[in-house]
Amino acid sequence: MIGLNHYLFVSAALFSLGVMGVLTRKNAVNVLMGIELILNSANINLVAFSRYSVASLDGQIFAVFVIIIAAAEAAVALAIVLSMYRIVKSVNLDQADTLKG
């Protein structure tokens, strides 16, 4: 029987991998993938707590909003990465300060 603890463990593992990816990578695309892992772990938590609570759909509704926000974030972030690549010819985040001027 799969219980709430199993979902929380998977979510914690995804969150840890996402944080590690955001903090250790210098490539902008890898950092974006880490952020997506963090948002997916939040979705797992929302749906799992909604499933094992008083049988309401609040968690699923919030998860849909998180998915919509993640899609918008990915579109805007990839546009910024493409703009950075056109200017700097690299997606290394150490060189991201050249977009200031």
N, C-alpha and C. Protein backbone atom coordinates (compact mmCIF):
# COMPACT_ATOMS: atom_id res chain seq x y z
N MET A 1 0.83 -1.18 0.00
CA MET A 1 0.00 0.00 0.00
C MET A 1 0.89 1.25 0.00
N ILE A 2 0.65 2.12 -0.96
CA ILE A 2 1.41 3.36 -1.05
C ILE A 2 0.72 4.41 -0.20
N GLY A 3 1.46 4.95 0.74
CA GLY A 3 0.90 5.94 1.66
C GLY A 3 1.46 7.33 1.40
N LEU A 4 1.08 8.23 2.26
CA LEU A 4 1.52 9.62 2.15
C LEU A 4 3.03 9.75 2.29
N ASN A 5 3.62 8.90 3.14
CA ASN A 5 5.08 8.97 3.36
C ASN A 5 5.85 8.70 2.07
N HIS A 6 5.36 7.82 1.23
CA HIS A 6 6.04 7.52 -0.03
C HIS A 6 6.05 8.74 -0.95
N TYR A 7 4.91 9.41 -1.04
CA TYR A 7 4.84 10.61 -1.87
C TYR A 7 5.75 11.71 -1.33
N LEU A 8 5.76 11.86 -0.01
CA LEU A 8 6.62 12.89 0.59
C LEU A 8 8.10 12.58 0.40
N PHE A 9 8.46 11.31 0.43
CA PHE A 9 9.85 10.94 0.18
C PHE A 9 10.26 11.26 -1.25
N VAL A 10 9.42 10.91 -2.21
CA VAL A 10 9.73 11.21 -3.61
C VAL A 10 9.80 12.72 -3.83
N SER A 11 8.89 13.45 -3.21
CA SER A 11 8.89 14.91 -3.34
C SER A 11 10.14 15.52 -2.73
N ALA A 12 10.56 15.01 -1.57
CA ALA A 12 11.78 15.53 -0.94
C ALA A 12 13.01 15.22 -1.79
N ALA A 13 13.04 14.05 -2.41
CA ALA A 13 14.16 13.70 -3.28
C ALA A 13 14.21 14.62 -4.50
N LEU A 14 13.05 14.86 -5.12
CA LEU A 14 13.00 15.78 -6.27
C LEU A 14 13.41 17.19 -5.87
N PHE A 15 12.92 17.64 -4.71
CA PHE A 15 13.27 18.98 -4.25
C PHE A 15 14.77 19.09 -4.01
N SER A 16 15.36 18.08 -3.39
CA SER A 16 16.80 18.10 -3.13
C SER A 16 17.61 18.12 -4.43
N LEU A 17 17.19 17.31 -5.40
CA LEU A 17 17.87 17.32 -6.69
C LEU A 17 17.73 18.67 -7.39
N GLY A 18 16.55 19.27 -7.28
CA GLY A 18 16.33 20.58 -7.90
C GLY A 18 17.18 21.66 -7.26
N VAL A 19 17.25 21.68 -5.94
CA VAL A 19 18.08 22.68 -5.25
C VAL A 19 19.55 22.47 -5.57
N MET A 20 19.97 21.20 -5.61
CA MET A 20 21.36 20.93 -5.97
C MET A 20 21.66 21.39 -7.39
N GLY A 21 20.71 21.18 -8.29
CA GLY A 21 20.90 21.63 -9.68
C GLY A 21 20.95 23.14 -9.81
N VAL A 22 20.15 23.84 -9.03
CA VAL A 22 20.15 25.31 -9.09
C VAL A 22 21.44 25.87 -8.50
N LEU A 23 21.90 25.29 -7.40
CA LEU A 23 23.06 25.86 -6.71
C LEU A 23 24.40 25.48 -7.32
N THR A 24 24.47 24.36 -8.01
CA THR A 24 25.78 23.89 -8.49
C THR A 24 26.03 24.12 -9.97
N ARG A 25 25.03 24.43 -10.74
CA ARG A 25 25.20 24.56 -12.18
C ARG A 25 25.46 26.00 -12.59
N LYS A 26 26.23 26.17 -13.65
CA LYS A 26 26.48 27.49 -14.21
C LYS A 26 25.75 27.69 -15.53
N ASN A 27 25.25 26.62 -16.09
CA ASN A 27 24.52 26.69 -17.35
C ASN A 27 23.08 27.10 -17.06
N ALA A 28 22.58 28.09 -17.76
CA ALA A 28 21.25 28.63 -17.49
C ALA A 28 20.15 27.60 -17.74
N VAL A 29 20.31 26.77 -18.74
CA VAL A 29 19.30 25.76 -19.04
C VAL A 29 19.23 24.72 -17.92
N ASN A 30 20.37 24.34 -17.37
CA ASN A 30 20.37 23.39 -16.26
C ASN A 30 19.74 23.99 -15.01
N VAL A 31 19.96 25.27 -14.78
CA VAL A 31 19.32 25.94 -13.65
C VAL A 31 17.80 25.96 -13.83
N LEU A 32 17.34 26.21 -15.04
CA LEU A 32 15.90 26.18 -15.32
C LEU A 32 15.32 24.79 -15.09
N MET A 33 16.06 23.76 -15.44
CA MET A 33 15.58 22.39 -15.19
C MET A 33 15.50 22.11 -13.70
N GLY A 34 16.44 22.66 -12.92
CA GLY A 34 16.39 22.51 -11.47
C GLY A 34 15.17 23.20 -10.88
N ILE A 35 14.83 24.37 -11.40
CA ILE A 35 13.64 25.08 -10.93
C ILE A 35 12.39 24.28 -11.26
N GLU A 36 12.35 23.66 -12.42
CA GLU A 36 11.21 22.83 -12.79
C GLU A 36 11.08 21.63 -11.85
N LEU A 37 12.20 21.04 -11.45
CA LEU A 37 12.14 19.94 -10.49
C LEU A 37 11.57 20.40 -9.15
N ILE A 38 11.96 21.59 -8.71
CA ILE A 38 11.44 22.13 -7.46
C ILE A 38 9.93 22.34 -7.55
N LEU A 39 9.47 22.89 -8.66
CA LEU A 39 8.03 23.12 -8.83
C LEU A 39 7.27 21.80 -8.92
N ASN A 40 7.85 20.79 -9.56
CA ASN A 40 7.20 19.48 -9.64
C ASN A 40 7.12 18.81 -8.27
N SER A 41 8.13 19.01 -7.44
CA SER A 41 8.06 18.44 -6.09
C SER A 41 6.96 19.12 -5.28
N ALA A 42 6.77 20.41 -5.48
CA ALA A 42 5.67 21.11 -4.81
C ALA A 42 4.33 20.57 -5.30
N ASN A 43 4.22 20.28 -6.58
CA ASN A 43 2.98 19.70 -7.12
C ASN A 43 2.68 18.34 -6.51
N ILE A 44 3.70 17.52 -6.36
CA ILE A 44 3.50 16.20 -5.74
C ILE A 44 2.99 16.37 -4.31
N ASN A 45 3.57 17.31 -3.58
CA ASN A 45 3.10 17.56 -2.21
C ASN A 45 1.65 18.02 -2.19
N LEU A 46 1.31 18.95 -3.07
CA LEU A 46 -0.05 19.47 -3.09
C LEU A 46 -1.07 18.38 -3.39
N VAL A 47 -0.79 17.57 -4.39
CA VAL A 47 -1.73 16.52 -4.77
C VAL A 47 -1.78 15.43 -3.71
N ALA A 48 -0.65 15.08 -3.11
CA ALA A 48 -0.64 14.03 -2.10
C ALA A 48 -1.41 14.47 -0.85
N PHE A 49 -1.18 15.69 -0.40
CA PHE A 49 -1.91 16.15 0.78
C PHE A 49 -3.40 16.32 0.48
N SER A 50 -3.72 16.69 -0.74
CA SER A 50 -5.12 16.80 -1.11
C SER A 50 -5.78 15.42 -1.15
N ARG A 51 -5.04 14.42 -1.60
CA ARG A 51 -5.57 13.06 -1.69
C ARG A 51 -5.81 12.46 -0.31
N TYR A 52 -4.89 12.70 0.61
CA TYR A 52 -4.99 12.09 1.93
C TYR A 52 -5.64 13.01 2.96
N SER A 53 -6.23 14.10 2.54
CA SER A 53 -6.94 14.97 3.48
C SER A 53 -8.43 14.68 3.40
N VAL A 54 -9.26 15.67 3.57
CA VAL A 54 -10.69 15.50 3.70
C VAL A 54 -11.38 15.34 2.35
N ALA A 55 -10.70 14.84 1.36
CA ALA A 55 -11.25 14.59 0.02
C ALA A 55 -11.72 15.87 -0.66
N SER A 56 -10.93 16.92 -0.57
CA SER A 56 -11.24 18.14 -1.31
C SER A 56 -10.31 18.23 -2.51
N LEU A 57 -10.67 19.08 -3.44
CA LEU A 57 -9.88 19.25 -4.66
C LEU A 57 -8.96 20.46 -4.61
N ASP A 58 -8.75 21.02 -3.43
CA ASP A 58 -7.93 22.23 -3.33
C ASP A 58 -6.50 21.99 -3.80
N GLY A 59 -5.91 20.88 -3.45
CA GLY A 59 -4.53 20.59 -3.85
C GLY A 59 -4.38 20.46 -5.35
N GLN A 60 -5.34 19.80 -5.99
CA GLN A 60 -5.28 19.66 -7.44
C GLN A 60 -5.45 21.00 -8.14
N ILE A 61 -6.30 21.85 -7.59
CA ILE A 61 -6.50 23.18 -8.19
C ILE A 61 -5.22 24.01 -8.07
N PHE A 62 -4.58 23.98 -6.89
CA PHE A 62 -3.32 24.71 -6.73
C PHE A 62 -2.24 24.12 -7.63
N ALA A 63 -2.24 22.80 -7.82
CA ALA A 63 -1.24 22.17 -8.68
C ALA A 63 -1.40 22.63 -10.12
N VAL A 64 -2.64 22.79 -10.58
CA VAL A 64 -2.87 23.29 -11.94
C VAL A 64 -2.33 24.71 -12.07
N PHE A 65 -2.55 25.55 -11.05
CA PHE A 65 -2.01 26.91 -11.09
C PHE A 65 -0.48 26.90 -11.11
N VAL A 66 0.13 26.00 -10.36
CA VAL A 66 1.60 25.90 -10.36
C VAL A 66 2.09 25.47 -11.73
N ILE A 67 1.39 24.56 -12.39
CA ILE A 67 1.78 24.12 -13.73
C ILE A 67 1.68 25.28 -14.72
N ILE A 68 0.62 26.09 -14.61
CA ILE A 68 0.46 27.25 -15.50
C ILE A 68 1.58 28.25 -15.27
N ILE A 69 1.90 28.51 -14.01
CA ILE A 69 2.97 29.45 -13.70
C ILE A 69 4.32 28.91 -14.18
N ALA A 70 4.54 27.61 -14.05
CA ALA A 70 5.79 27.01 -14.52
C ALA A 70 5.93 27.12 -16.03
N ALA A 71 4.83 26.97 -16.75
CA ALA A 71 4.89 27.10 -18.21
C ALA A 71 5.21 28.54 -18.61
N ALA A 72 4.60 29.50 -17.93
CA ALA A 72 4.90 30.90 -18.23
C ALA A 72 6.34 31.23 -17.86
N GLU A 73 6.80 30.71 -16.73
CA GLU A 73 8.20 30.95 -16.31
C GLU A 73 9.17 30.36 -17.31
N ALA A 74 8.88 29.18 -17.81
CA ALA A 74 9.77 28.55 -18.78
C ALA A 74 9.83 29.35 -20.07
N ALA A 75 8.70 29.87 -20.52
CA ALA A 75 8.69 30.65 -21.77
C ALA A 75 9.50 31.93 -21.61
N VAL A 76 9.29 32.64 -20.52
CA VAL A 76 10.03 33.90 -20.30
C VAL A 76 11.51 33.62 -20.08
N ALA A 77 11.83 32.60 -19.30
CA ALA A 77 13.23 32.31 -19.02
C ALA A 77 13.97 31.85 -20.27
N LEU A 78 13.33 31.05 -21.11
CA LEU A 78 13.99 30.63 -22.34
C LEU A 78 14.18 31.80 -23.30
N ALA A 79 13.26 32.74 -23.29
CA ALA A 79 13.46 33.94 -24.11
C ALA A 79 14.66 34.74 -23.62
N ILE A 80 14.81 34.84 -22.32
CA ILE A 80 15.97 35.54 -21.76
C ILE A 80 17.26 34.80 -22.09
N VAL A 81 17.24 33.47 -22.00
CA VAL A 81 18.43 32.68 -22.33
C VAL A 81 18.80 32.84 -23.80
N LEU A 82 17.81 32.83 -24.69
CA LEU A 82 18.10 33.03 -26.11
C LEU A 82 18.66 34.42 -26.38
N SER A 83 18.14 35.42 -25.70
CA SER A 83 18.67 36.77 -25.85
C SER A 83 20.11 36.84 -25.35
N MET A 84 20.37 36.19 -24.24
CA MET A 84 21.73 36.16 -23.71
C MET A 84 22.67 35.43 -24.66
N TYR A 85 22.21 34.35 -25.26
CA TYR A 85 23.06 33.61 -26.19
C TYR A 85 23.36 34.44 -27.44
N ARG A 86 22.38 35.22 -27.90
CA ARG A 86 22.61 36.07 -29.07
C ARG A 86 23.66 37.14 -28.79
N ILE A 87 23.66 37.67 -27.58
CA ILE A 87 24.59 38.75 -27.25
C ILE A 87 25.96 38.22 -26.86
N VAL A 88 26.00 37.22 -25.97
CA VAL A 88 27.26 36.78 -25.38
C VAL A 88 27.84 35.55 -26.08
N LYS A 89 27.00 34.81 -26.82
CA LYS A 89 27.39 33.55 -27.46
C LYS A 89 27.70 32.47 -26.43
N SER A 90 27.05 32.56 -25.26
CA SER A 90 27.21 31.56 -24.21
C SER A 90 25.99 31.64 -23.29
N VAL A 91 25.67 30.51 -22.65
CA VAL A 91 24.59 30.51 -21.67
C VAL A 91 25.14 30.32 -20.26
N ASN A 92 26.42 30.63 -20.08
CA ASN A 92 27.06 30.56 -18.78
C ASN A 92 26.56 31.71 -17.92
N LEU A 93 26.08 31.40 -16.71
CA LEU A 93 25.50 32.43 -15.86
C LEU A 93 26.54 33.40 -15.30
N ASP A 94 27.81 33.02 -15.33
CA ASP A 94 28.85 33.95 -14.89
C ASP A 94 28.97 35.15 -15.83
N GLN A 95 28.55 34.99 -17.06
CA GLN A 95 28.63 36.07 -18.05
C GLN A 95 27.31 36.81 -18.21
N ALA A 96 26.36 36.59 -17.32
CA ALA A 96 25.03 37.18 -17.45
C ALA A 96 25.02 38.66 -17.11
N ASP A 97 26.06 39.18 -16.50
CA ASP A 97 26.06 40.61 -16.14
C ASP A 97 26.25 41.51 -17.36
N THR A 98 26.55 40.96 -18.51
CA THR A 98 26.73 41.78 -19.70
C THR A 98 25.40 42.27 -20.27
N LEU A 99 24.27 41.75 -19.80
CA LEU A 99 22.96 42.21 -20.28
C LEU A 99 22.51 43.50 -19.59
N LYS A 100 23.28 43.98 -18.61
CA LYS A 100 22.88 45.18 -17.86
C LYS A 100 22.84 46.42 -18.74
N GLY A 101 23.78 46.60 -19.60
CA GLY A 101 23.92 47.84 -20.35
C GLY A 101 23.07 47.86 -21.54
